[in-house]
């Protein structure tokens, strides 16, 4: 099935569809569910996503630019090199996703949840993540400034790793001798 530019899709259910390399502009997706679909290297621009679920989809190199939406869920997806560019997504959930080397550039992800995701090497440049919960996700090598992470919820290990990466801050437990820097 090919999705058409500018169309509205409501209640669409796609299973196992090959949409790799697809281009979609200004479409409106409402209450749609993509299961086991291949969207790799696809590019969706200025799409509206409301109550859309991507379940076990291949999103390698998939790019969503200037997307808007509420209640979007990515569950068990392979999203290496996934790119979200200038998107505003409210209550977006990433659960059990492989998001290594992904990019969230100048996004506003209001109340986002990352549950047991691999965000190793992900770039969060210029994004606003106020209220985003990253606890329990692997964030090693994440590339984000303190400003990018302002307002996020991190577990203690994540917070220590972020601080270690910023301005040469050292995180040392109480009772451990510190050598002069």
N, C-alpha and C. Protein backbone atom coordinates (compact mmCIF):
# COMPACT_ATOMS: atom_id res chain seq x y z
N UNK A 1 0.84 -1.18 0.00
CA UNK A 1 0.00 0.00 0.00
C UNK A 1 0.88 1.24 0.00
N UNK A 2 0.56 2.21 -0.81
CA UNK A 2 1.29 3.48 -0.84
C UNK A 2 0.44 4.54 -0.14
N UNK A 3 1.08 5.28 0.75
CA UNK A 3 0.40 6.39 1.41
C UNK A 3 0.54 7.63 0.52
N UNK A 4 -0.51 8.42 0.43
CA UNK A 4 -0.54 9.56 -0.48
C UNK A 4 -0.37 10.88 0.27
N UNK A 5 0.38 11.80 -0.33
CA UNK A 5 0.59 13.14 0.23
C UNK A 5 -0.74 13.84 0.46
N UNK A 6 -0.83 14.55 1.58
CA UNK A 6 -1.99 15.39 1.86
C UNK A 6 -3.25 14.66 2.26
N UNK A 7 -3.23 13.36 2.30
CA UNK A 7 -4.44 12.58 2.62
C UNK A 7 -4.61 12.43 4.13
N UNK A 8 -5.84 12.13 4.55
CA UNK A 8 -6.15 11.83 5.94
C UNK A 8 -6.43 10.33 6.03
N UNK A 9 -5.77 9.70 7.00
CA UNK A 9 -5.97 8.26 7.24
C UNK A 9 -6.46 8.10 8.66
N UNK A 10 -7.62 7.49 8.82
CA UNK A 10 -8.18 7.29 10.14
C UNK A 10 -8.47 5.80 10.33
N UNK A 11 -7.95 5.25 11.45
CA UNK A 11 -8.19 3.84 11.74
C UNK A 11 -7.42 2.88 10.85
N UNK A 12 -6.41 3.35 10.16
CA UNK A 12 -5.62 2.52 9.25
C UNK A 12 -4.83 1.48 10.05
N UNK A 13 -4.85 0.22 9.60
CA UNK A 13 -4.09 -0.86 10.22
C UNK A 13 -3.24 -1.51 9.14
N UNK A 14 -1.92 -1.38 9.27
CA UNK A 14 -1.01 -2.00 8.31
C UNK A 14 -0.14 -3.01 9.04
N UNK A 15 -0.04 -4.22 8.49
CA UNK A 15 0.77 -5.27 9.08
C UNK A 15 1.72 -5.80 8.01
N UNK A 16 3.02 -5.78 8.33
CA UNK A 16 4.03 -6.36 7.45
C UNK A 16 4.22 -5.65 6.12
N UNK A 17 3.80 -4.42 6.04
CA UNK A 17 3.93 -3.68 4.78
C UNK A 17 5.36 -3.17 4.57
N UNK A 18 5.81 -3.21 3.34
CA UNK A 18 7.13 -2.70 2.99
C UNK A 18 6.96 -1.27 2.47
N UNK A 19 7.32 -0.31 3.34
CA UNK A 19 7.22 1.10 2.99
C UNK A 19 8.61 1.75 2.99
N UNK A 20 9.64 0.93 2.85
CA UNK A 20 11.02 1.43 2.87
C UNK A 20 11.22 2.46 1.77
N UNK A 21 11.87 3.56 2.14
CA UNK A 21 12.16 4.61 1.18
C UNK A 21 10.96 5.45 0.79
N UNK A 22 9.83 5.25 1.45
CA UNK A 22 8.62 5.99 1.08
C UNK A 22 8.75 7.47 1.46
N UNK A 23 8.10 8.31 0.69
CA UNK A 23 8.05 9.74 0.95
C UNK A 23 6.59 10.11 1.18
N UNK A 24 6.36 10.89 2.23
CA UNK A 24 4.99 11.29 2.56
C UNK A 24 5.02 12.71 3.07
N UNK A 25 4.16 13.56 2.52
CA UNK A 25 4.12 14.97 2.93
C UNK A 25 2.70 15.37 3.32
N UNK A 26 2.64 16.10 4.44
CA UNK A 26 1.40 16.75 4.90
C UNK A 26 0.22 15.79 5.03
N UNK A 27 0.48 14.57 5.43
CA UNK A 27 -0.61 13.62 5.67
C UNK A 27 -1.06 13.73 7.12
N UNK A 28 -2.28 13.33 7.36
CA UNK A 28 -2.88 13.38 8.69
C UNK A 28 -3.25 11.94 9.05
N UNK A 29 -2.57 11.38 10.07
CA UNK A 29 -2.82 10.01 10.50
C UNK A 29 -3.44 10.03 11.88
N UNK A 30 -4.62 9.42 12.00
CA UNK A 30 -5.36 9.39 13.27
C UNK A 30 -5.73 7.96 13.60
N UNK A 31 -5.42 7.55 14.83
CA UNK A 31 -5.75 6.21 15.30
C UNK A 31 -5.27 5.15 14.30
N UNK A 32 -4.00 5.26 13.92
CA UNK A 32 -3.41 4.31 12.97
C UNK A 32 -2.42 3.40 13.68
N UNK A 33 -2.25 2.20 13.14
CA UNK A 33 -1.38 1.21 13.76
C UNK A 33 -0.55 0.54 12.67
N UNK A 34 0.77 0.65 12.81
CA UNK A 34 1.72 0.01 11.90
C UNK A 34 2.40 -1.11 12.68
N UNK A 35 2.26 -2.35 12.24
CA UNK A 35 2.85 -3.49 12.93
C UNK A 35 3.77 -4.24 11.97
N UNK A 36 5.01 -4.48 12.41
CA UNK A 36 6.00 -5.23 11.62
C UNK A 36 6.19 -4.63 10.23
N UNK A 37 6.09 -3.33 10.11
CA UNK A 37 6.28 -2.66 8.82
C UNK A 37 7.73 -2.19 8.67
N UNK A 38 8.20 -2.13 7.44
CA UNK A 38 9.53 -1.63 7.15
C UNK A 38 9.41 -0.22 6.59
N UNK A 39 9.80 0.76 7.42
CA UNK A 39 9.77 2.17 7.03
C UNK A 39 11.19 2.72 6.87
N UNK A 40 12.16 1.83 6.79
CA UNK A 40 13.55 2.27 6.75
C UNK A 40 13.80 3.22 5.59
N UNK A 41 14.61 4.22 5.88
CA UNK A 41 15.01 5.25 4.92
C UNK A 41 13.83 6.01 4.31
N UNK A 42 12.69 5.94 4.96
CA UNK A 42 11.55 6.73 4.53
C UNK A 42 11.68 8.16 5.04
N UNK A 43 10.93 9.06 4.44
CA UNK A 43 10.95 10.45 4.87
C UNK A 43 9.53 11.00 4.86
N UNK A 44 9.06 11.33 6.06
CA UNK A 44 7.74 11.93 6.21
C UNK A 44 7.94 13.37 6.65
N UNK A 45 7.29 14.28 5.97
CA UNK A 45 7.46 15.70 6.27
C UNK A 45 6.12 16.36 6.54
N UNK A 46 6.07 17.16 7.61
CA UNK A 46 4.89 17.93 8.02
C UNK A 46 3.64 17.06 8.17
N UNK A 47 3.83 15.88 8.70
CA UNK A 47 2.70 14.98 8.94
C UNK A 47 2.16 15.19 10.35
N UNK A 48 0.88 14.97 10.50
CA UNK A 48 0.21 15.05 11.80
C UNK A 48 -0.08 13.62 12.24
N UNK A 49 0.38 13.27 13.45
CA UNK A 49 0.20 11.92 13.98
C UNK A 49 -0.54 12.00 15.31
N UNK A 50 -1.75 11.52 15.36
CA UNK A 50 -2.54 11.49 16.59
C UNK A 50 -2.95 10.06 16.88
N UNK A 51 -2.54 9.56 18.05
CA UNK A 51 -2.82 8.20 18.47
C UNK A 51 -2.34 7.19 17.42
N UNK A 52 -1.07 7.32 17.05
CA UNK A 52 -0.45 6.44 16.07
C UNK A 52 0.54 5.53 16.79
N UNK A 53 0.51 4.25 16.43
CA UNK A 53 1.39 3.25 17.04
C UNK A 53 2.26 2.62 15.96
N UNK A 54 3.57 2.56 16.24
CA UNK A 54 4.52 1.84 15.41
C UNK A 54 5.01 0.68 16.28
N UNK A 55 4.65 -0.55 15.92
CA UNK A 55 4.99 -1.70 16.74
C UNK A 55 5.88 -2.65 15.96
N UNK A 56 7.07 -2.91 16.52
CA UNK A 56 8.07 -3.80 15.91
C UNK A 56 8.38 -3.40 14.48
N UNK A 57 8.40 -2.12 14.21
CA UNK A 57 8.69 -1.63 12.86
C UNK A 57 10.19 -1.41 12.68
N UNK A 58 10.63 -1.53 11.47
CA UNK A 58 12.01 -1.22 11.12
C UNK A 58 12.03 0.25 10.69
N UNK A 59 12.73 1.07 11.49
CA UNK A 59 12.78 2.51 11.25
C UNK A 59 14.22 2.98 11.01
N UNK A 60 15.08 2.10 10.55
CA UNK A 60 16.48 2.44 10.30
C UNK A 60 16.55 3.57 9.27
N UNK A 61 17.12 4.70 9.70
CA UNK A 61 17.27 5.83 8.79
C UNK A 61 15.99 6.57 8.47
N UNK A 62 14.89 6.23 9.13
CA UNK A 62 13.61 6.91 8.90
C UNK A 62 13.70 8.35 9.41
N UNK A 63 13.14 9.29 8.66
CA UNK A 63 13.19 10.70 9.05
C UNK A 63 11.78 11.29 9.08
N UNK A 64 11.44 11.87 10.24
CA UNK A 64 10.19 12.60 10.40
C UNK A 64 10.57 14.06 10.61
N UNK A 65 10.23 14.92 9.67
CA UNK A 65 10.60 16.33 9.73
C UNK A 65 9.36 17.19 9.92
N UNK A 66 9.43 18.10 10.87
CA UNK A 66 8.37 19.05 11.16
C UNK A 66 7.03 18.36 11.44
N UNK A 67 7.11 17.17 12.02
CA UNK A 67 5.91 16.43 12.38
C UNK A 67 5.29 16.98 13.66
N UNK A 68 4.00 16.81 13.78
CA UNK A 68 3.26 17.22 14.97
C UNK A 68 2.40 16.04 15.40
N UNK A 69 2.20 15.92 16.71
CA UNK A 69 1.34 14.84 17.13
C UNK A 69 1.18 14.71 18.62
N UNK A 70 0.22 13.88 18.99
CA UNK A 70 -0.11 13.59 20.39
C UNK A 70 -0.32 12.09 20.51
N UNK A 71 0.21 11.52 21.59
CA UNK A 71 -0.01 10.12 21.91
C UNK A 71 0.49 9.21 20.79
N UNK A 72 1.77 9.33 20.47
CA UNK A 72 2.42 8.49 19.47
C UNK A 72 3.27 7.48 20.23
N UNK A 73 3.23 6.21 19.82
CA UNK A 73 3.98 5.16 20.51
C UNK A 73 4.85 4.39 19.52
N UNK A 74 6.10 4.18 19.93
CA UNK A 74 7.04 3.35 19.20
C UNK A 74 7.38 2.20 20.15
N UNK A 75 7.01 0.98 19.81
CA UNK A 75 7.21 -0.16 20.70
C UNK A 75 8.00 -1.26 19.99
N UNK A 76 9.14 -1.61 20.56
CA UNK A 76 9.96 -2.69 20.01
C UNK A 76 10.49 -2.41 18.62
N UNK A 77 10.71 -1.15 18.29
CA UNK A 77 11.16 -0.78 16.95
C UNK A 77 12.68 -0.76 16.84
N UNK A 78 13.16 -1.06 15.63
CA UNK A 78 14.57 -0.93 15.30
C UNK A 78 14.74 0.42 14.63
N UNK A 79 15.26 1.39 15.39
CA UNK A 79 15.34 2.76 14.90
C UNK A 79 16.75 3.32 14.86
N UNK A 80 17.72 2.49 14.51
CA UNK A 80 19.08 3.01 14.39
C UNK A 80 19.08 4.09 13.30
N UNK A 81 19.70 5.20 13.61
CA UNK A 81 19.78 6.37 12.71
C UNK A 81 18.42 7.03 12.46
N UNK A 82 17.42 6.74 13.28
CA UNK A 82 16.14 7.43 13.20
C UNK A 82 16.38 8.92 13.37
N UNK A 83 15.71 9.75 12.59
CA UNK A 83 15.87 11.20 12.68
C UNK A 83 14.52 11.87 12.91
N UNK A 84 14.40 12.57 14.03
CA UNK A 84 13.24 13.43 14.27
C UNK A 84 13.79 14.85 14.18
N UNK A 85 13.28 15.61 13.25
CA UNK A 85 13.81 16.94 12.96
C UNK A 85 12.72 17.99 13.08
N UNK A 86 12.86 18.89 14.05
CA UNK A 86 11.93 19.99 14.28
C UNK A 86 10.49 19.49 14.49
N UNK A 87 10.36 18.41 15.22
CA UNK A 87 9.04 17.84 15.51
C UNK A 87 8.54 18.32 16.87
N UNK A 88 7.23 18.36 17.00
CA UNK A 88 6.60 18.62 18.30
C UNK A 88 5.64 17.47 18.57
N UNK A 89 6.07 16.61 19.49
CA UNK A 89 5.27 15.43 19.83
C UNK A 89 4.99 15.47 21.33
N UNK A 90 3.73 15.37 21.66
CA UNK A 90 3.32 15.40 23.06
C UNK A 90 2.91 13.99 23.49
N UNK A 91 3.40 13.58 24.65
CA UNK A 91 3.10 12.26 25.21
C UNK A 91 3.55 11.14 24.26
N UNK A 92 4.72 11.32 23.65
CA UNK A 92 5.28 10.29 22.79
C UNK A 92 5.98 9.25 23.67
N UNK A 93 5.85 7.97 23.29
CA UNK A 93 6.46 6.89 24.05
C UNK A 93 7.35 6.05 23.15
N UNK A 94 8.57 5.83 23.62
CA UNK A 94 9.49 4.91 22.98
C UNK A 94 9.71 3.78 23.98
N UNK A 95 9.28 2.57 23.65
CA UNK A 95 9.37 1.46 24.58
C UNK A 95 10.13 0.31 23.93
N UNK A 96 11.22 -0.11 24.59
CA UNK A 96 12.01 -1.26 24.13
C UNK A 96 12.51 -1.08 22.70
N UNK A 97 12.94 0.13 22.38
CA UNK A 97 13.40 0.45 21.03
C UNK A 97 14.92 0.54 20.95
N UNK A 98 15.45 0.14 19.83
CA UNK A 98 16.86 0.30 19.51
C UNK A 98 16.99 1.64 18.77
N UNK A 99 17.53 2.66 19.46
CA UNK A 99 17.62 4.01 18.89
C UNK A 99 19.06 4.51 18.84
N UNK A 100 20.01 3.60 18.66
CA UNK A 100 21.41 4.00 18.63
C UNK A 100 21.67 4.93 17.45
N UNK A 101 22.51 5.92 17.73
CA UNK A 101 22.92 6.91 16.72
C UNK A 101 21.73 7.66 16.12
N UNK A 102 20.60 7.69 16.82
CA UNK A 102 19.44 8.43 16.33
C UNK A 102 19.63 9.92 16.61
N UNK A 103 18.83 10.74 15.97
CA UNK A 103 18.93 12.18 16.15
C UNK A 103 17.58 12.79 16.45
N UNK A 104 17.57 13.62 17.48
CA UNK A 104 16.37 14.37 17.85
C UNK A 104 16.80 15.83 17.78
N UNK A 105 16.66 16.43 16.62
CA UNK A 105 17.20 17.76 16.35
C UNK A 105 16.10 18.82 16.45
N UNK A 106 16.29 19.75 17.36
CA UNK A 106 15.37 20.88 17.57
C UNK A 106 13.92 20.41 17.73
N UNK A 107 13.77 19.33 18.48
CA UNK A 107 12.43 18.78 18.73
C UNK A 107 11.90 19.26 20.07
N UNK A 108 10.61 19.27 20.17
CA UNK A 108 9.94 19.51 21.43
C UNK A 108 9.17 18.23 21.74
N UNK A 109 9.68 17.49 22.73
CA UNK A 109 9.09 16.20 23.10
C UNK A 109 8.52 16.34 24.50
N UNK A 110 7.30 16.82 24.57
CA UNK A 110 6.63 17.13 25.83
C UNK A 110 6.17 15.83 26.49
N UNK A 111 6.61 15.60 27.72
CA UNK A 111 6.25 14.41 28.50
C UNK A 111 6.58 13.10 27.76
N UNK A 112 7.70 13.09 27.07
CA UNK A 112 8.14 11.87 26.37
C UNK A 112 8.58 10.83 27.38
N UNK A 113 8.41 9.56 27.02
CA UNK A 113 8.89 8.46 27.86
C UNK A 113 9.75 7.55 27.00
N UNK A 114 10.94 7.27 27.50
CA UNK A 114 11.84 6.32 26.88
C UNK A 114 11.98 5.16 27.86
N UNK A 115 11.35 4.03 27.57
CA UNK A 115 11.33 2.89 28.47
C UNK A 115 12.25 1.80 27.91
N UNK A 116 13.32 1.52 28.65
CA UNK A 116 14.27 0.47 28.28
C UNK A 116 14.69 0.55 26.81
N UNK A 117 15.06 1.75 26.38
CA UNK A 117 15.54 1.96 25.02
C UNK A 117 17.07 2.06 25.01
N UNK A 118 17.66 1.79 23.88
CA UNK A 118 19.09 1.97 23.70
C UNK A 118 19.29 3.27 22.93
N UNK A 119 19.74 4.30 23.65
CA UNK A 119 19.96 5.62 23.06
C UNK A 119 21.46 5.91 22.90
N UNK A 120 22.28 4.86 22.87
CA UNK A 120 23.73 5.05 22.77
C UNK A 120 24.08 5.88 21.54
N UNK A 121 24.82 6.95 21.78
CA UNK A 121 25.26 7.80 20.67
C UNK A 121 24.19 8.69 20.08
N UNK A 122 23.01 8.74 20.68
CA UNK A 122 21.93 9.59 20.16
C UNK A 122 22.29 11.06 20.33
N UNK A 123 21.82 11.88 19.41
CA UNK A 123 22.06 13.32 19.44
C UNK A 123 20.75 14.02 19.77
N UNK A 124 20.79 14.90 20.78
CA UNK A 124 19.59 15.62 21.21
C UNK A 124 19.80 17.12 21.06
N UNK A 125 20.36 17.54 19.99
CA UNK A 125 20.77 18.92 19.80
C UNK A 125 19.60 19.89 19.64
N UNK A 126 19.57 20.89 20.52
CA UNK A 126 18.57 21.94 20.42
C UNK A 126 17.16 21.49 20.76
N UNK A 127 17.02 20.33 21.36
CA UNK A 127 15.69 19.82 21.68
C UNK A 127 15.24 20.27 23.06
N UNK A 128 13.93 20.31 23.24
CA UNK A 128 13.33 20.62 24.53
C UNK A 128 12.64 19.35 25.01
N UNK A 129 13.13 18.84 26.14
CA UNK A 129 12.64 17.57 26.65
C UNK A 129 12.02 17.71 28.03
N UNK A 130 11.46 18.85 28.32
CA UNK A 130 10.90 19.10 29.65
C UNK A 130 9.87 18.02 29.99
N UNK A 131 10.14 17.35 31.13
CA UNK A 131 9.25 16.30 31.59
C UNK A 131 9.51 14.93 30.97
N UNK A 132 10.49 14.84 30.07
CA UNK A 132 10.81 13.55 29.45
C UNK A 132 11.45 12.63 30.48
N UNK A 133 11.09 11.36 30.44
CA UNK A 133 11.60 10.36 31.38
C UNK A 133 12.49 9.38 30.63
N UNK A 134 13.79 9.41 30.96
CA UNK A 134 14.75 8.52 30.32
C UNK A 134 15.21 7.40 31.24
N UNK A 135 14.68 7.33 32.43
CA UNK A 135 15.13 6.32 33.41
C UNK A 135 15.03 4.91 32.84
N UNK A 136 16.11 4.15 33.08
CA UNK A 136 16.14 2.76 32.66
C UNK A 136 16.59 2.55 31.24
N UNK A 137 16.77 3.60 30.48
CA UNK A 137 17.28 3.47 29.12
C UNK A 137 18.78 3.63 29.11
N UNK A 138 19.42 2.98 28.13
CA UNK A 138 20.87 3.10 27.99
C UNK A 138 21.18 4.42 27.29
N UNK A 139 21.93 5.28 27.96
CA UNK A 139 22.22 6.61 27.41
C UNK A 139 23.71 6.84 27.22
N UNK A 140 24.52 5.77 27.23
CA UNK A 140 25.96 5.92 27.06
C UNK A 140 26.31 6.60 25.73
N UNK A 141 27.16 7.61 25.82
CA UNK A 141 27.59 8.30 24.60
C UNK A 141 26.57 9.25 24.02
N UNK A 142 25.48 9.48 24.76
CA UNK A 142 24.46 10.41 24.29
C UNK A 142 25.09 11.79 24.11
N UNK A 143 24.73 12.46 23.05
CA UNK A 143 25.29 13.78 22.78
C UNK A 143 24.21 14.84 23.00
N UNK A 144 24.30 15.47 24.18
CA UNK A 144 23.33 16.49 24.57
C UNK A 144 23.98 17.41 25.58
N UNK A 145 23.61 18.66 25.52
CA UNK A 145 24.11 19.61 26.52
C UNK A 145 23.17 19.60 27.72
N UNK A 146 23.61 20.26 28.78
CA UNK A 146 22.73 20.38 29.95
C UNK A 146 21.45 21.12 29.57
N UNK A 147 21.55 22.09 28.68
CA UNK A 147 20.35 22.80 28.23
C UNK A 147 19.39 21.86 27.51
N UNK A 148 19.94 20.96 26.68
CA UNK A 148 19.08 20.00 25.97
C UNK A 148 18.35 19.09 26.96
N UNK A 149 19.00 18.76 28.07
CA UNK A 149 18.43 17.82 29.04
C UNK A 149 17.68 18.51 30.18
N UNK A 150 17.58 19.82 30.15
CA UNK A 150 16.89 20.56 31.22
C UNK A 150 15.45 20.04 31.36
N UNK A 151 15.09 19.72 32.59
CA UNK A 151 13.73 19.28 32.87
C UNK A 151 13.48 17.80 32.65
N UNK A 152 14.50 17.04 32.23
CA UNK A 152 14.30 15.61 32.03
C UNK A 152 14.40 14.86 33.36
N UNK A 153 13.92 13.65 33.36
CA UNK A 153 14.00 12.78 34.53
C UNK A 153 15.02 11.69 34.20
N UNK A 154 16.09 11.64 35.00
CA UNK A 154 17.16 10.67 34.79
C UNK A 154 17.33 9.83 36.05
N UNK A 155 17.84 8.61 35.88
CA UNK A 155 18.19 7.82 37.05
C UNK A 155 19.57 8.26 37.52
N UNK A 156 20.00 7.90 38.73
CA UNK A 156 21.28 8.38 39.25
C UNK A 156 22.49 8.08 38.36
N UNK A 157 22.54 6.90 37.75
CA UNK A 157 23.67 6.56 36.87
C UNK A 157 23.68 7.46 35.64
N UNK A 158 22.53 7.71 35.07
CA UNK A 158 22.45 8.59 33.90
C UNK A 158 22.88 10.00 34.26
N UNK A 159 22.42 10.49 35.40
CA UNK A 159 22.77 11.85 35.83
C UNK A 159 24.27 11.96 36.03
N UNK A 160 24.88 10.96 36.65
CA UNK A 160 26.33 10.98 36.86
C UNK A 160 27.07 10.98 35.52
N UNK A 161 26.61 10.19 34.56
CA UNK A 161 27.25 10.14 33.25
C UNK A 161 27.13 11.49 32.53
N UNK A 162 25.98 12.12 32.64
CA UNK A 162 25.80 13.43 32.01
C UNK A 162 26.75 14.44 32.62
N UNK A 163 26.84 14.44 33.94
CA UNK A 163 27.73 15.38 34.61
C UNK A 163 29.19 15.13 34.27
N UNK A 164 29.57 13.85 34.15
CA UNK A 164 30.95 13.54 33.77
C UNK A 164 31.28 14.10 32.40
N UNK A 165 30.30 14.12 31.52
CA UNK A 165 30.54 14.62 30.17
C UNK A 165 30.51 16.13 30.05
N UNK A 166 30.03 16.83 31.06
CA UNK A 166 29.91 18.28 31.02
C UNK A 166 31.03 18.94 31.80
N UNK A 167 31.73 19.82 31.19
CA UNK A 167 32.68 20.72 31.86
C UNK A 167 33.64 20.00 32.80
N UNK A 168 34.01 18.78 32.48
CA UNK A 168 34.97 18.04 33.29
C UNK A 168 34.53 17.87 34.74
N UNK A 169 33.26 17.81 34.98
CA UNK A 169 32.75 17.59 36.34
C UNK A 169 33.04 16.14 36.71
N UNK A 170 33.53 15.95 37.91
CA UNK A 170 33.79 14.59 38.40
C UNK A 170 32.71 14.21 39.39
N UNK A 171 32.23 12.99 39.30
CA UNK A 171 31.23 12.48 40.21
C UNK A 171 31.93 11.42 41.06
N UNK A 172 32.05 11.70 42.36
CA UNK A 172 32.79 10.83 43.28
C UNK A 172 31.93 10.58 44.52
N UNK A 173 31.76 9.31 44.90
CA UNK A 173 30.97 9.02 46.10
C UNK A 173 31.62 9.59 47.35
N UNK A 174 30.82 9.88 48.35
CA UNK A 174 31.32 10.37 49.63
C UNK A 174 32.21 9.30 50.24
N UNK A 175 33.32 9.73 50.84
CA UNK A 175 34.22 8.80 51.48
C UNK A 175 35.36 8.32 50.59
N UNK A 176 35.32 8.64 49.33
CA UNK A 176 36.39 8.27 48.42
C UNK A 176 37.33 9.46 48.28
N UNK A 177 38.62 9.20 48.48
CA UNK A 177 39.60 10.28 48.35
C UNK A 177 39.68 10.76 46.92
N UNK A 178 39.84 12.06 46.79
CA UNK A 178 39.91 12.66 45.47
C UNK A 178 41.32 13.20 45.25
N UNK A 179 41.93 12.76 44.18
CA UNK A 179 43.24 13.28 43.80
C UNK A 179 43.06 14.68 43.22
N UNK A 180 43.96 15.61 43.51
CA UNK A 180 43.85 16.93 42.90
C UNK A 180 43.89 16.84 41.40
N UNK A 181 43.01 17.63 40.74
CA UNK A 181 42.87 17.59 39.27
C UNK A 181 43.94 18.32 38.63
